[in-house]
Amino acid sequence: MSTMPRGYADGLDLNQLRVMDVLLRERSVTRSSMVLNTTQPALSKALSRLRCYFDDPLFVRVGLQMEPTPKALGMAPAVRAILDGVQSLQAEQVPFDPRLSNRNFSFLAVDAAIVVMLPPIVRALETEAPNVHVSAMPLEAEHLHGWLQSGKADLAIGSYPLLTQGIRRQMLFSATYMSVMRRGHPRLSRTPSVEDFIAEKHVLVAAERTGHAMQIAQEALEAAIPPQNITIRVPGFTAAVLAAKQTDALVTLPSPLAAVLARELDLELVKPPVRLPKFEIAQYWHERYHREPGNKWMRSMLHNLFNAGSKFAAALP
């Protein structure tokens, strides 16, 4: 039986229920305001109205977190059910016409996927959906599931082995790793030995906070390369490559990105002699949006562009 008070619709609106739902998940006013794309004062005002309406604190600060009261926890399933029901009704009643839509689709992706995949996406949109926009959002593992669930992000693109609960996945293509170095490197050839490879200086991309499978490759590189030869650590692939271009250091990164940046920045591709795993690039979305027409259309377009049989995949190194 629902614990929502009788006649709640007379005093609450869906935005306030969304505030409660996100607070239950994020346990932080700051993070919740980011998820809902609103200001902290506006969110605090909505929380005050919820507290007044339900005659309960609902959330109490404990350390750095806002912990829900027993009453808030008891209402959580009903709040979620209402929001899911509204989402289902909207998805069924609102058709999606890419030729007429001006929707903005938000993607979660590391910069490797953005650099490699965004140009083909933009070219496809120019012909299929000229008024549709895309936004690439910064990727942090702690927000990955929550932002897909809430709809703040429509899709995640990349390789996220821990992204499973309530999430659907469709493989696009597989890839491996390549290293790049500046052209005319004084010591290395394009097929170095393990000894020569690990003796050079390296720029390492730190992937711990992204949830991306690149973390596995990062750990393998850290195990093989002496610590004194890892001279720079950066959070993004593009910054790592720019550092390598201006020094004698090497950087190892996903092969699709390595090929693009080697071509654009006049770098040498190097096959790393260190054993690194292949990985799959996929698109991920939350079960809640599986039947939503716009999400379905975007997933179909991405699959057509990047699936294993596409021109894009055939050109990968």
C-alpha atoms as a PDB file:
ATOM      1  CA  MET A   1       0.000   0.000   0.000  1.00  0.00           C
ATOM      2  CA  SER A   2       1.331   3.461  -0.937  1.00  0.00           C
ATOM      3  CA  THR A   3       2.624   5.658   1.856  1.00  0.00           C
ATOM      4  CA  MET A   4       1.944   8.852  -0.116  1.00  0.00           C
ATOM      5  CA  PRO A   5      -0.590  11.047   1.698  1.00  0.00           C
ATOM      6  CA  ARG A   6      -4.116  11.302   0.400  1.00  0.00           C
ATOM      7  CA  GLY A   7      -4.597  14.071  -2.129  1.00  0.00           C
ATOM      8  CA  TYR A   8      -0.857  14.593  -2.665  1.00  0.00           C
ATOM      9  CA  ALA A   9      -1.476  15.905  -6.183  1.00  0.00           C
ATOM     10  CA  ASP A  10      -3.169  19.006  -4.724  1.00  0.00           C
ATOM     11  CA  GLY A  11       0.016  20.160  -3.030  1.00  0.00           C
ATOM     12  CA  LEU A  12       2.906  18.605  -4.958  1.00  0.00           C
ATOM     13  CA  ASP A  13       4.130  18.700  -8.508  1.00  0.00           C
ATOM     14  CA  LEU A  14       6.321  16.319 -10.452  1.00  0.00           C
ATOM     15  CA  ASN A  15       9.388  18.516 -10.105  1.00  0.00           C
ATOM     16  CA  GLN A  16       9.238  18.181  -6.319  1.00  0.00           C
ATOM     17  CA  LEU A  17       8.910  14.418  -6.616  1.00  0.00           C
ATOM     18  CA  ARG A  18      11.943  14.416  -8.921  1.00  0.00           C
ATOM     19  CA  VAL A  19      13.867  16.355  -6.277  1.00  0.00           C
ATOM     20  CA  MET A  20      13.006  13.735  -3.683  1.00  0.00           C
ATOM     21  CA  ASP A  21      13.881  10.866  -6.018  1.00  0.00           C
ATOM     22  CA  VAL A  22      17.293  12.310  -6.885  1.00  0.00           C
ATOM     23  CA  LEU A  23      18.071  13.174  -3.249  1.00  0.00           C
ATOM     24  CA  LEU A  24      17.282   9.593  -2.275  1.00  0.00           C
ATOM     25  CA  ARG A  25      19.879   8.457  -4.771  1.00  0.00           C
ATOM     26  CA  GLU A  26      22.582  11.130  -4.518  1.00  0.00           C
ATOM     27  CA  ARG A  27      22.334  11.966  -0.766  1.00  0.00           C
ATOM     28  CA  SER A  28      23.721  15.440  -1.541  1.00  0.00           C
ATOM     29  CA  VAL A  29      22.102  18.784  -2.356  1.00  0.00           C
ATOM     30  CA  THR A  30      25.110  19.765  -4.469  1.00  0.00           C
ATOM     31  CA  ARG A  31      25.142  16.594  -6.573  1.00  0.00           C
ATOM     32  CA  SER A  32      21.346  16.544  -6.835  1.00  0.00           C
ATOM     33  CA  SER A  33      21.278  20.101  -8.159  1.00  0.00           C
ATOM     34  CA  MET A  34      23.809  19.062 -10.815  1.00  0.00           C
ATOM     35  CA  VAL A  35      21.717  16.049 -11.842  1.00  0.00           C
ATOM     36  CA  LEU A  36      18.558  18.162 -12.055  1.00  0.00           C
ATOM     37  CA  ASN A  37      20.360  21.073 -13.737  1.00  0.00           C
ATOM     38  CA  THR A  38      19.072  23.551 -11.174  1.00  0.00           C
ATOM     39  CA  THR A  39      20.546  25.795  -8.480  1.00  0.00           C
ATOM     40  CA  GLN A  40      21.140  24.691  -4.908  1.00  0.00           C
ATOM     41  CA  PRO A  41      18.801  27.408  -3.526  1.00  0.00           C
ATOM     42  CA  ALA A  42      16.003  26.233  -5.831  1.00  0.00           C
ATOM     43  CA  LEU A  43      16.522  22.636  -4.767  1.00  0.00           C
ATOM     44  CA  SER A  44      16.606  23.610  -1.082  1.00  0.00           C
ATOM     45  CA  LYS A  45      13.330  25.487  -1.548  1.00  0.00           C
ATOM     46  CA  ALA A  46      11.726  22.404  -3.094  1.00  0.00           C
ATOM     47  CA  LEU A  47      13.015  20.292  -0.202  1.00  0.00           C
ATOM     48  CA  SER A  48      11.496  22.751   2.290  1.00  0.00           C
ATOM     49  CA  ARG A  49       8.107  22.378   0.602  1.00  0.00           C
ATOM     50  CA  LEU A  50       8.419  18.600   0.720  1.00  0.00           C
ATOM     51  CA  ARG A  51       9.283  18.714   4.431  1.00  0.00           C
ATOM     52  CA  CYS A  52       6.326  20.968   5.149  1.00  0.00           C
ATOM     53  CA  TYR A  53       3.926  18.855   3.131  1.00  0.00           C
ATOM     54  CA  PHE A  54       4.950  15.525   4.650  1.00  0.00           C
ATOM     55  CA  ASP A  55       5.554  16.977   8.128  1.00  0.00           C
ATOM     56  CA  ASP A  56       8.916  15.236   8.303  1.00  0.00           C
ATOM     57  CA  PRO A  57      12.572  16.305   7.869  1.00  0.00           C
ATOM     58  CA  LEU A  58      12.880  13.667   5.091  1.00  0.00           C
ATOM     59  CA  PHE A  59      16.672  14.199   4.869  1.00  0.00           C
ATOM     60  CA  VAL A  60      19.064  14.880   7.745  1.00  0.00           C
ATOM     61  CA  ARG A  61      22.704  15.883   7.365  1.00  0.00           C
ATOM     62  CA  VAL A  62      25.072  13.200   8.648  1.00  0.00           C
ATOM     63  CA  GLY A  63      28.675  14.173   8.025  1.00  0.00           C
ATOM     64  CA  LEU A  64      28.910  15.185   4.378  1.00  0.00           C
ATOM     65  CA  GLN A  65      25.738  13.376   3.314  1.00  0.00           C
ATOM     66  CA  MET A  66      21.993  13.961   3.484  1.00  0.00           C
ATOM     67  CA  GLU A  67      20.602  10.735   4.914  1.00  0.00           C
ATOM     68  CA  PRO A  68      16.896   9.912   4.397  1.00  0.00           C
ATOM     69  CA  THR A  69      14.592   9.486   7.365  1.00  0.00           C
ATOM     70  CA  PRO A  70      12.553   6.278   7.727  1.00  0.00           C
ATOM     71  CA  LYS A  71       9.549   8.116   6.294  1.00  0.00           C
ATOM     72  CA  ALA A  72      11.511   9.171   3.198  1.00  0.00           C
ATOM     73  CA  LEU A  73      12.754   5.622   2.692  1.00  0.00           C
ATOM     74  CA  GLY A  74       9.211   4.327   3.033  1.00  0.00           C
ATOM     75  CA  MET A  75       7.947   6.698   0.354  1.00  0.00           C
ATOM     76  CA  ALA A  76      10.774   5.963  -2.088  1.00  0.00           C
ATOM     77  CA  PRO A  77       9.036   3.118  -4.003  1.00  0.00           C
ATOM     78  CA  ALA A  78       5.850   5.158  -4.465  1.00  0.00           C
ATOM     79  CA  VAL A  79       7.770   8.213  -5.675  1.00  0.00           C
ATOM     80  CA  ARG A  80       9.735   6.098  -8.131  1.00  0.00           C
ATOM     81  CA  ALA A  81       6.560   4.386  -9.381  1.00  0.00           C
ATOM     82  CA  ILE A  82       4.854   7.741 -10.054  1.00  0.00           C
ATOM     83  CA  LEU A  83       7.821   9.093 -11.999  1.00  0.00           C
ATOM     84  CA  ASP A  84       8.205   5.871 -13.990  1.00  0.00           C
ATOM     85  CA  GLY A  85       4.509   5.953 -14.829  1.00  0.00           C
ATOM     86  CA  VAL A  86       4.690   9.524 -16.090  1.00  0.00           C
ATOM     87  CA  GLN A  87       7.791   8.683 -18.134  1.00  0.00           C
ATOM     88  CA  SER A  88       6.006   5.730 -19.746  1.00  0.00           C
ATOM     89  CA  LEU A  89       2.983   7.858 -20.637  1.00  0.00           C
ATOM     90  CA  GLN A  90       5.167  10.533 -22.195  1.00  0.00           C
ATOM     91  CA  ALA A  91       7.156   8.001 -24.193  1.00  0.00           C
ATOM     92  CA  GLU A  92       4.011   6.394 -25.595  1.00  0.00           C
ATOM     93  CA  GLN A  93       2.242   9.636 -26.474  1.00  0.00           C
ATOM     94  CA  VAL A  94       5.032  11.764 -27.951  1.00  0.00           C
ATOM     95  CA  PRO A  95       6.323  10.575 -31.356  1.00  0.00           C
ATOM     96  CA  PHE A  96       9.843  11.421 -32.469  1.00  0.00           C
ATOM     97  CA  ASP A  97      10.468  12.847 -35.929  1.00  0.00           C
ATOM     98  CA  PRO A  98      14.211  13.477 -36.389  1.00  0.00           C
ATOM     99  CA  ARG A  99      13.570  15.811 -39.330  1.00  0.00           C
ATOM    100  CA  LEU A 100      11.506  18.155 -37.141  1.00  0.00           C
ATOM    101  CA  SER A 101      12.956  17.633 -33.660  1.00  0.00           C
ATOM    102  CA  ASN A 102      15.200  20.201 -31.966  1.00  0.00           C
ATOM    103  CA  ARG A 103      16.023  17.870 -29.085  1.00  0.00           C
ATOM    104  CA  ASN A 104      19.396  17.918 -27.358  1.00  0.00           C
ATOM    105  CA  PHE A 105      20.875  14.450 -26.714  1.00  0.00           C
ATOM    106  CA  SER A 106      23.441  14.152 -23.930  1.00  0.00           C
ATOM    107  CA  PHE A 107      26.218  11.553 -24.038  1.00  0.00           C
ATOM    108  CA  LEU A 108      28.556  10.409 -21.289  1.00  0.00           C
ATOM    109  CA  ALA A 109      31.943   9.578 -22.808  1.00  0.00           C
ATOM    110  CA  VAL A 110      35.666   9.862 -22.279  1.00  0.00           C
ATOM    111  CA  ASP A 111      37.486  12.253 -24.595  1.00  0.00           C
ATOM    112  CA  ALA A 112      38.692   9.348 -26.763  1.00  0.00           C
ATOM    113  CA  ALA A 113      35.128   8.557 -27.824  1.00  0.00           C
ATOM    114  CA  ILE A 114      34.310  12.239 -28.285  1.00  0.00           C
ATOM    115  CA  VAL A 115      37.260  12.892 -30.601  1.00  0.00           C
ATOM    116  CA  VAL A 116      36.768   9.732 -32.672  1.00  0.00           C
ATOM    117  CA  MET A 117      32.987   9.381 -32.849  1.00  0.00           C
ATOM    118  CA  LEU A 118      31.604  12.907 -32.708  1.00  0.00           C
ATOM    119  CA  PRO A 119      32.524  13.951 -36.286  1.00  0.00           C
ATOM    120  CA  PRO A 120      30.613  11.034 -37.914  1.00  0.00           C
ATOM    121  CA  ILE A 121      27.666  11.724 -35.584  1.00  0.00           C
ATOM    122  CA  VAL A 122      27.586  15.407 -36.546  1.00  0.00           C
ATOM    123  CA  ARG A 123      27.784  14.570 -40.267  1.00  0.00           C
ATOM    124  CA  ALA A 124      24.889  12.123 -39.935  1.00  0.00           C
ATOM    125  CA  LEU A 125      22.777  14.644 -38.035  1.00  0.00           C
ATOM    126  CA  GLU A 126      23.321  17.259 -40.741  1.00  0.00           C
ATOM    127  CA  THR A 127      21.382  15.095 -43.191  1.00  0.00           C
ATOM    128  CA  GLU A 128      19.031  13.069 -40.977  1.00  0.00           C
ATOM    129  CA  ALA A 129      18.167  15.505 -38.177  1.00  0.00           C
ATOM    130  CA  PRO A 130      19.412  19.026 -38.961  1.00  0.00           C
ATOM    131  CA  ASN A 131      17.948  20.638 -35.829  1.00  0.00           C
ATOM    132  CA  VAL A 132      19.003  17.960 -33.329  1.00  0.00           C
ATOM    133  CA  HIS A 133      21.910  18.824 -31.016  1.00  0.00           C
ATOM    134  CA  VAL A 134      24.318  16.683 -29.006  1.00  0.00           C
ATOM    135  CA  SER A 135      26.156  17.457 -25.774  1.00  0.00           C
ATOM    136  CA  ALA A 136      29.144  15.475 -24.536  1.00  0.00           C
ATOM    137  CA  MET A 137      29.199  15.380 -20.742  1.00  0.00           C
ATOM    138  CA  PRO A 138      32.288  14.913 -18.551  1.00  0.00           C
ATOM    139  CA  LEU A 139      32.543  11.359 -17.328  1.00  0.00           C
ATOM    140  CA  GLU A 140      32.832  10.396 -13.668  1.00  0.00           C
ATOM    141  CA  ALA A 141      32.128   6.867 -12.521  1.00  0.00           C
ATOM    142  CA  GLU A 142      30.137   8.025  -9.481  1.00  0.00           C
ATOM    143  CA  HIS A 143      27.536   9.710 -11.729  1.00  0.00           C
ATOM    144  CA  LEU A 144      27.481   7.188 -14.571  1.00  0.00           C
ATOM    145  CA  HIS A 145      24.541   5.059 -13.444  1.00  0.00           C
ATOM    146  CA  GLY A 146      22.606   7.858 -11.748  1.00  0.00           C
ATOM    147  CA  TRP A 147      22.664  10.197 -14.722  1.00  0.00           C
ATOM    148  CA  LEU A 148      21.491   7.448 -17.089  1.00  0.00           C
ATOM    149  CA  GLN A 149      18.731   6.494 -14.671  1.00  0.00           C
ATOM    150  CA  SER A 150      17.548  10.071 -14.165  1.00  0.00           C
ATOM    151  CA  GLY A 151      17.683  10.948 -17.853  1.00  0.00           C
ATOM    152  CA  LYS A 152      20.256  13.691 -17.414  1.00  0.00           C
ATOM    153  CA  ALA A 153      22.328  11.640 -19.866  1.00  0.00           C
ATOM    154  CA  ASP A 154      20.612   9.793 -22.698  1.00  0.00           C
ATOM    155  CA  LEU A 155      23.453   7.391 -23.446  1.00  0.00           C
ATOM    156  CA  ALA A 156      26.932   6.419 -22.331  1.00  0.00           C
ATOM    157  CA  ILE A 157      29.432   5.479 -25.023  1.00  0.00           C
ATOM    158  CA  GLY A 158      32.583   3.541 -24.254  1.00  0.00           C
ATOM    159  CA  SER A 159      33.564   0.437 -22.315  1.00  0.00           C
ATOM    160  CA  TYR A 160      32.175   0.286 -18.776  1.00  0.00           C
ATOM    161  CA  PRO A 161      32.320  -3.282 -17.424  1.00  0.00           C
ATOM    162  CA  LEU A 162      30.746  -2.367 -14.066  1.00  0.00           C
ATOM    163  CA  LEU A 163      27.730  -0.612 -15.597  1.00  0.00           C
ATOM    164  CA  THR A 164      25.098  -3.346 -15.302  1.00  0.00           C
ATOM    165  CA  GLN A 165      22.176  -2.815 -12.895  1.00  0.00           C
ATOM    166  CA  GLY A 166      19.110  -1.632 -14.797  1.00  0.00           C
ATOM    167  CA  ILE A 167      21.297  -0.831 -17.802  1.00  0.00           C
ATOM    168  CA  ARG A 168      21.037  -2.145 -21.344  1.00  0.00           C
ATOM    169  CA  ARG A 169      24.088  -2.473 -23.580  1.00  0.00           C
ATOM    170  CA  GLN A 170      24.684  -2.812 -27.315  1.00  0.00           C
ATOM    171  CA  MET A 171      28.142  -3.504 -28.683  1.00  0.00           C
ATOM    172  CA  LEU A 172      29.349  -1.229 -31.468  1.00  0.00           C
ATOM    173  CA  PHE A 173      32.935  -2.275 -32.285  1.00  0.00           C
ATOM    174  CA  SER A 174      36.047  -3.746 -30.675  1.00  0.00           C
ATOM    175  CA  ALA A 175      39.424  -2.061 -30.358  1.00  0.00           C
ATOM    176  CA  THR A 176      42.892  -2.513 -28.965  1.00  0.00           C
ATOM    177  CA  TYR A 177      45.692  -0.138 -27.951  1.00  0.00           C
ATOM    178  CA  MET A 178      48.455   1.676 -29.805  1.00  0.00           C
ATOM    179  CA  SER A 179      51.207   3.988 -28.647  1.00  0.00           C
ATOM    180  CA  VAL A 180      52.169   7.258 -30.290  1.00  0.00           C
ATOM    181  CA  MET A 181      55.429   9.205 -30.282  1.00  0.00           C
ATOM    182  CA  ARG A 182      56.676  12.321 -31.987  1.00  0.00           C
ATOM    183  CA  ARG A 183      57.940  11.857 -35.511  1.00  0.00           C
ATOM    184  CA  GLY A 184      61.726  11.507 -35.607  1.00  0.00           C
ATOM    185  CA  HIS A 185      62.015  10.034 -32.119  1.00  0.00           C
ATOM    186  CA  PRO A 186      65.763   9.729 -31.377  1.00  0.00           C
ATOM    187  CA  ARG A 187      65.725   6.129 -30.144  1.00  0.00           C
ATOM    188  CA  LEU A 188      62.582   4.109 -30.901  1.00  0.00           C
ATOM    189  CA  SER A 189      61.421   2.352 -34.036  1.00  0.00           C
ATOM    190  CA  ARG A 190      57.766   1.607 -34.786  1.00  0.00           C
ATOM    191  CA  THR A 191      58.232  -1.973 -33.490  1.00  0.00           C
ATOM    192  CA  PRO A 192      60.265  -1.597 -30.279  1.00  0.00           C
ATOM    193  CA  SER A 193      61.303  -4.435 -28.007  1.00  0.00           C
ATOM    194  CA  VAL A 194      59.828  -4.648 -24.526  1.00  0.00           C
ATOM    195  CA  GLU A 195      63.151  -3.526 -23.054  1.00  0.00           C
ATOM    196  CA  ASP A 196      63.379  -0.459 -25.285  1.00  0.00           C
ATOM    197  CA  PHE A 197      59.710   0.398 -24.785  1.00  0.00           C
ATOM    198  CA  ILE A 198      59.751   0.393 -20.985  1.00  0.00           C
ATOM    199  CA  ALA A 199      63.096   2.228 -20.882  1.00  0.00           C
ATOM    200  CA  GLU A 200      61.493   5.312 -22.468  1.00  0.00           C
ATOM    201  CA  LYS A 201      59.554   8.021 -20.642  1.00  0.00           C
ATOM    202  CA  HIS A 202      55.761   7.637 -20.695  1.00  0.00           C
ATOM    203  CA  VAL A 203      52.689   9.804 -20.270  1.00  0.00           C
ATOM    204  CA  LEU A 204      49.987   7.825 -18.468  1.00  0.00           C
ATOM    205  CA  VAL A 205      46.261   8.474 -18.718  1.00  0.00           C
ATOM    206  CA  ALA A 206      44.633   8.050 -15.299  1.00  0.00           C
ATOM    207  CA  ALA A 207      41.272   6.336 -15.823  1.00  0.00           C
ATOM    208  CA  GLU A 208      40.386   5.384 -12.235  1.00  0.00           C
ATOM    209  CA  ARG A 209      37.509   7.848 -11.809  1.00  0.00           C
ATOM    210  CA  THR A 210      35.883   7.179 -15.181  1.00  0.00           C
ATOM    211  CA  GLY A 211      34.807   3.547 -14.756  1.00  0.00           C
ATOM    212  CA  HIS A 212      36.247   2.965 -18.245  1.00  0.00           C
ATOM    213  CA  ALA A 213      37.981  -0.282 -19.230  1.00  0.00           C
ATOM    214  CA  MET A 214      41.108   1.776 -19.967  1.00  0.00           C
ATOM    215  CA  GLN A 215      41.837   1.334 -16.261  1.00  0.00           C
ATOM    216  CA  ILE A 216      42.787  -2.299 -16.987  1.00  0.00           C
ATOM    217  CA  ALA A 217      45.322  -1.156 -19.587  1.00  0.00           C
ATOM    218  CA  GLN A 218      46.577   1.521 -17.209  1.00  0.00           C
ATOM    219  CA  GLU A 219      47.273  -1.119 -14.555  1.00  0.00           C
ATOM    220  CA  ALA A 220      49.097  -3.324 -17.090  1.00  0.00           C
ATOM    221  CA  LEU A 221      51.285  -0.411 -18.165  1.00  0.00           C
ATOM    222  CA  GLU A 222      52.033   0.534 -14.556  1.00  0.00           C
ATOM    223  CA  ALA A 223      53.090  -3.061 -13.874  1.00  0.00           C
ATOM    224  CA  ALA A 224      55.458  -3.126 -16.865  1.00  0.00           C
ATOM    225  CA  ILE A 225      56.989   0.369 -16.862  1.00  0.00           C
ATOM    226  CA  PRO A 226      59.402   1.347 -14.058  1.00  0.00           C
ATOM    227  CA  PRO A 227      57.795   4.061 -11.896  1.00  0.00           C
ATOM    228  CA  GLN A 228      60.618   6.507 -12.598  1.00  0.00           C
ATOM    229  CA  ASN A 229      59.793   6.324 -16.321  1.00  0.00           C
ATOM    230  CA  ILE A 230      56.162   7.427 -15.865  1.00  0.00           C
ATOM    231  CA  THR A 231      56.892  11.134 -15.929  1.00  0.00           C
ATOM    232  CA  ILE A 232      53.416  12.613 -16.435  1.00  0.00           C
ATOM    233  CA  ARG A 233      49.907  11.551 -15.403  1.00  0.00           C
ATOM    234  CA  VAL A 234      46.928  13.316 -16.954  1.00  0.00           C
ATOM    235  CA  PRO A 235      43.145  12.746 -16.763  1.00  0.00           C
ATOM    236  CA  GLY A 236      42.503  12.818 -20.518  1.00  0.00           C
ATOM    237  CA  PHE A 237      43.815  11.173 -23.675  1.00  0.00           C
ATOM    238  CA  THR A 238      44.082  14.338 -25.757  1.00  0.00           C
ATOM    239  CA  ALA A 239      46.243  16.133 -23.187  1.00  0.00           C
ATOM    240  CA  ALA A 240      48.496  13.080 -22.996  1.00  0.00           C
ATOM    241  CA  VAL A 241      49.049  13.060 -26.762  1.00  0.00           C
ATOM    242  CA  LEU A 242      49.840  16.774 -26.865  1.00  0.00           C
ATOM    243  CA  ALA A 243      52.425  16.231 -24.125  1.00  0.00           C
ATOM    244  CA  ALA A 244      53.989  13.371 -26.093  1.00  0.00           C
ATOM    245  CA  LYS A 245      54.164  15.457 -29.276  1.00  0.00           C
ATOM    246  CA  GLN A 246      56.346  18.054 -27.566  1.00  0.00           C
ATOM    247  CA  THR A 247      58.658  15.609 -25.753  1.00  0.00           C
ATOM    248  CA  ASP A 248      60.300  12.222 -26.295  1.00  0.00           C
ATOM    249  CA  ALA A 249      57.690  10.510 -24.110  1.00  0.00           C
ATOM    250  CA  LEU A 250      55.267   7.870 -25.383  1.00  0.00           C
ATOM    251  CA  VAL A 251      51.575   7.589 -24.656  1.00  0.00           C
ATOM    252  CA  THR A 252      49.454   4.460 -25.050  1.00  0.00           C
ATOM    253  CA  LEU A 253      45.778   4.894 -25.873  1.00  0.00           C
ATOM    254  CA  PRO A 254      42.829   3.226 -27.643  1.00  0.00           C
ATOM    255  CA  SER A 255      43.774   2.459 -31.243  1.00  0.00           C
ATOM    256  CA  PRO A 256      40.922   4.437 -32.903  1.00  0.00           C
ATOM    257  CA  LEU A 257      42.015   7.607 -31.105  1.00  0.00           C
ATOM    258  CA  ALA A 258      45.696   6.870 -31.715  1.00  0.00           C
ATOM    259  CA  ALA A 259      45.053   6.642 -35.462  1.00  0.00           C
ATOM    260  CA  VAL A 260      43.081   9.903 -35.589  1.00  0.00           C
ATOM    261  CA  LEU A 261      45.547  11.929 -33.530  1.00  0.00           C
ATOM    262  CA  ALA A 262      48.599  10.460 -35.259  1.00  0.00           C
ATOM    263  CA  ARG A 263      47.149  11.619 -38.567  1.00  0.00           C
ATOM    264  CA  GLU A 264      46.040  15.044 -37.361  1.00  0.00           C
ATOM    265  CA  LEU A 265      49.156  15.817 -35.288  1.00  0.00           C
ATOM    266  CA  ASP A 266      51.787  14.138 -37.498  1.00  0.00           C
ATOM    267  CA  LEU A 267      52.805  11.497 -34.946  1.00  0.00           C
ATOM    268  CA  GLU A 268      54.242   8.002 -35.332  1.00  0.00           C
ATOM    269  CA  LEU A 269      52.118   4.986 -34.418  1.00  0.00           C
ATOM    270  CA  VAL A 270      53.910   2.364 -32.338  1.00  0.00           C
ATOM    271  CA  LYS A 271      52.689  -1.159 -31.599  1.00  0.00           C
ATOM    272  CA  PRO A 272      53.212  -1.543 -27.835  1.00  0.00           C
ATOM    273  CA  PRO A 273      55.104  -4.751 -26.990  1.00  0.00           C
ATOM    274  CA  VAL A 274      53.347  -4.908 -23.613  1.00  0.00           C
ATOM    275  CA  ARG A 275      50.391  -7.294 -23.523  1.00  0.00           C
ATOM    276  CA  LEU A 276      47.182  -5.236 -23.374  1.00  0.00           C
ATOM    277  CA  PRO A 277      43.611  -6.560 -23.625  1.00  0.00           C
ATOM    278  CA  LYS A 278      41.175  -5.879 -26.421  1.00  0.00           C
ATOM    279  CA  PHE A 279      38.003  -4.120 -25.353  1.00  0.00           C
ATOM    280  CA  GLU A 280      34.546  -3.447 -26.722  1.00  0.00           C
ATOM    281  CA  ILE A 281      33.046  -0.029 -27.346  1.00  0.00           C
ATOM    282  CA  ALA A 282      29.310  -0.119 -26.671  1.00  0.00           C
ATOM    283  CA  GLN A 283      26.385   2.191 -26.091  1.00  0.00           C
ATOM    284  CA  TYR A 284      24.580   2.005 -22.744  1.00  0.00           C
ATOM    285  CA  TRP A 285      21.148   3.254 -21.700  1.00  0.00           C
ATOM    286  CA  HIS A 286      18.833   2.817 -18.759  1.00  0.00           C
ATOM    287  CA  GLU A 287      15.939   0.372 -18.914  1.00  0.00           C
ATOM    288  CA  ARG A 288      13.541   3.254 -18.227  1.00  0.00           C
ATOM    289  CA  TYR A 289      14.297   4.751 -21.648  1.00  0.00           C
ATOM    290  CA  HIS A 290      14.443   1.536 -23.664  1.00  0.00           C
ATOM    291  CA  ARG A 291      11.156   2.270 -25.469  1.00  0.00           C
ATOM    292  CA  GLU A 292      11.411   6.064 -25.535  1.00  0.00           C
ATOM    293  CA  PRO A 293      11.189   6.992 -29.258  1.00  0.00           C
ATOM    294  CA  GLY A 294      13.974   9.579 -29.340  1.00  0.00           C
ATOM    295  CA  ASN A 295      16.382   7.360 -27.434  1.00  0.00           C
ATOM    296  CA  LYS A 296      15.548   4.429 -29.730  1.00  0.00           C
ATOM    297  CA  TRP A 297      16.195   6.551 -32.821  1.00  0.00           C
ATOM    298  CA  MET A 298      19.569   7.781 -31.565  1.00  0.00           C
ATOM    299  CA  ARG A 299      20.654   4.260 -30.615  1.00  0.00           C
ATOM    300  CA  SER A 300      19.716   3.016 -34.072  1.00  0.00           C
ATOM    301  CA  MET A 301      21.670   5.798 -35.755  1.00  0.00           C
ATOM    302  CA  LEU A 302      24.765   5.131 -33.616  1.00  0.00           C
ATOM    303  CA  HIS A 303      24.594   1.407 -34.322  1.00  0.00           C
ATOM    304  CA  ASN A 304      24.350   2.042 -38.063  1.00  0.00           C
ATOM    305  CA  LEU A 305      27.351   4.366 -37.920  1.00  0.00           C
ATOM    306  CA  PHE A 306      29.660   2.323 -35.717  1.00  0.00           C
ATOM    307  CA  ASN A 307      28.698  -1.372 -35.756  1.00  0.00           C
ATOM    308  CA  ALA A 308      31.337  -3.988 -36.540  1.00  0.00           C
ATOM    309  CA  GLY A 309      30.293  -4.117 -40.214  1.00  0.00           C
ATOM    310  CA  SER A 310      30.345  -0.351 -40.772  1.00  0.00           C
ATOM    311  CA  LYS A 311      32.831   1.663 -42.845  1.00  0.00           C
ATOM    312  CA  PHE A 312      34.021   3.195 -39.581  1.00  0.00           C
ATOM    313  CA  ALA A 313      34.909  -0.175 -38.049  1.00  0.00           C
ATOM    314  CA  ALA A 314      36.535  -1.388 -41.270  1.00  0.00           C
ATOM    315  CA  ALA A 315      38.942   1.558 -41.194  1.00  0.00           C
ATOM    316  CA  LEU A 316      40.143   0.928 -37.626  1.00  0.00           C
ATOM    317  CA  PRO A 317      43.832   0.023 -37.168  1.00  0.00           C
END
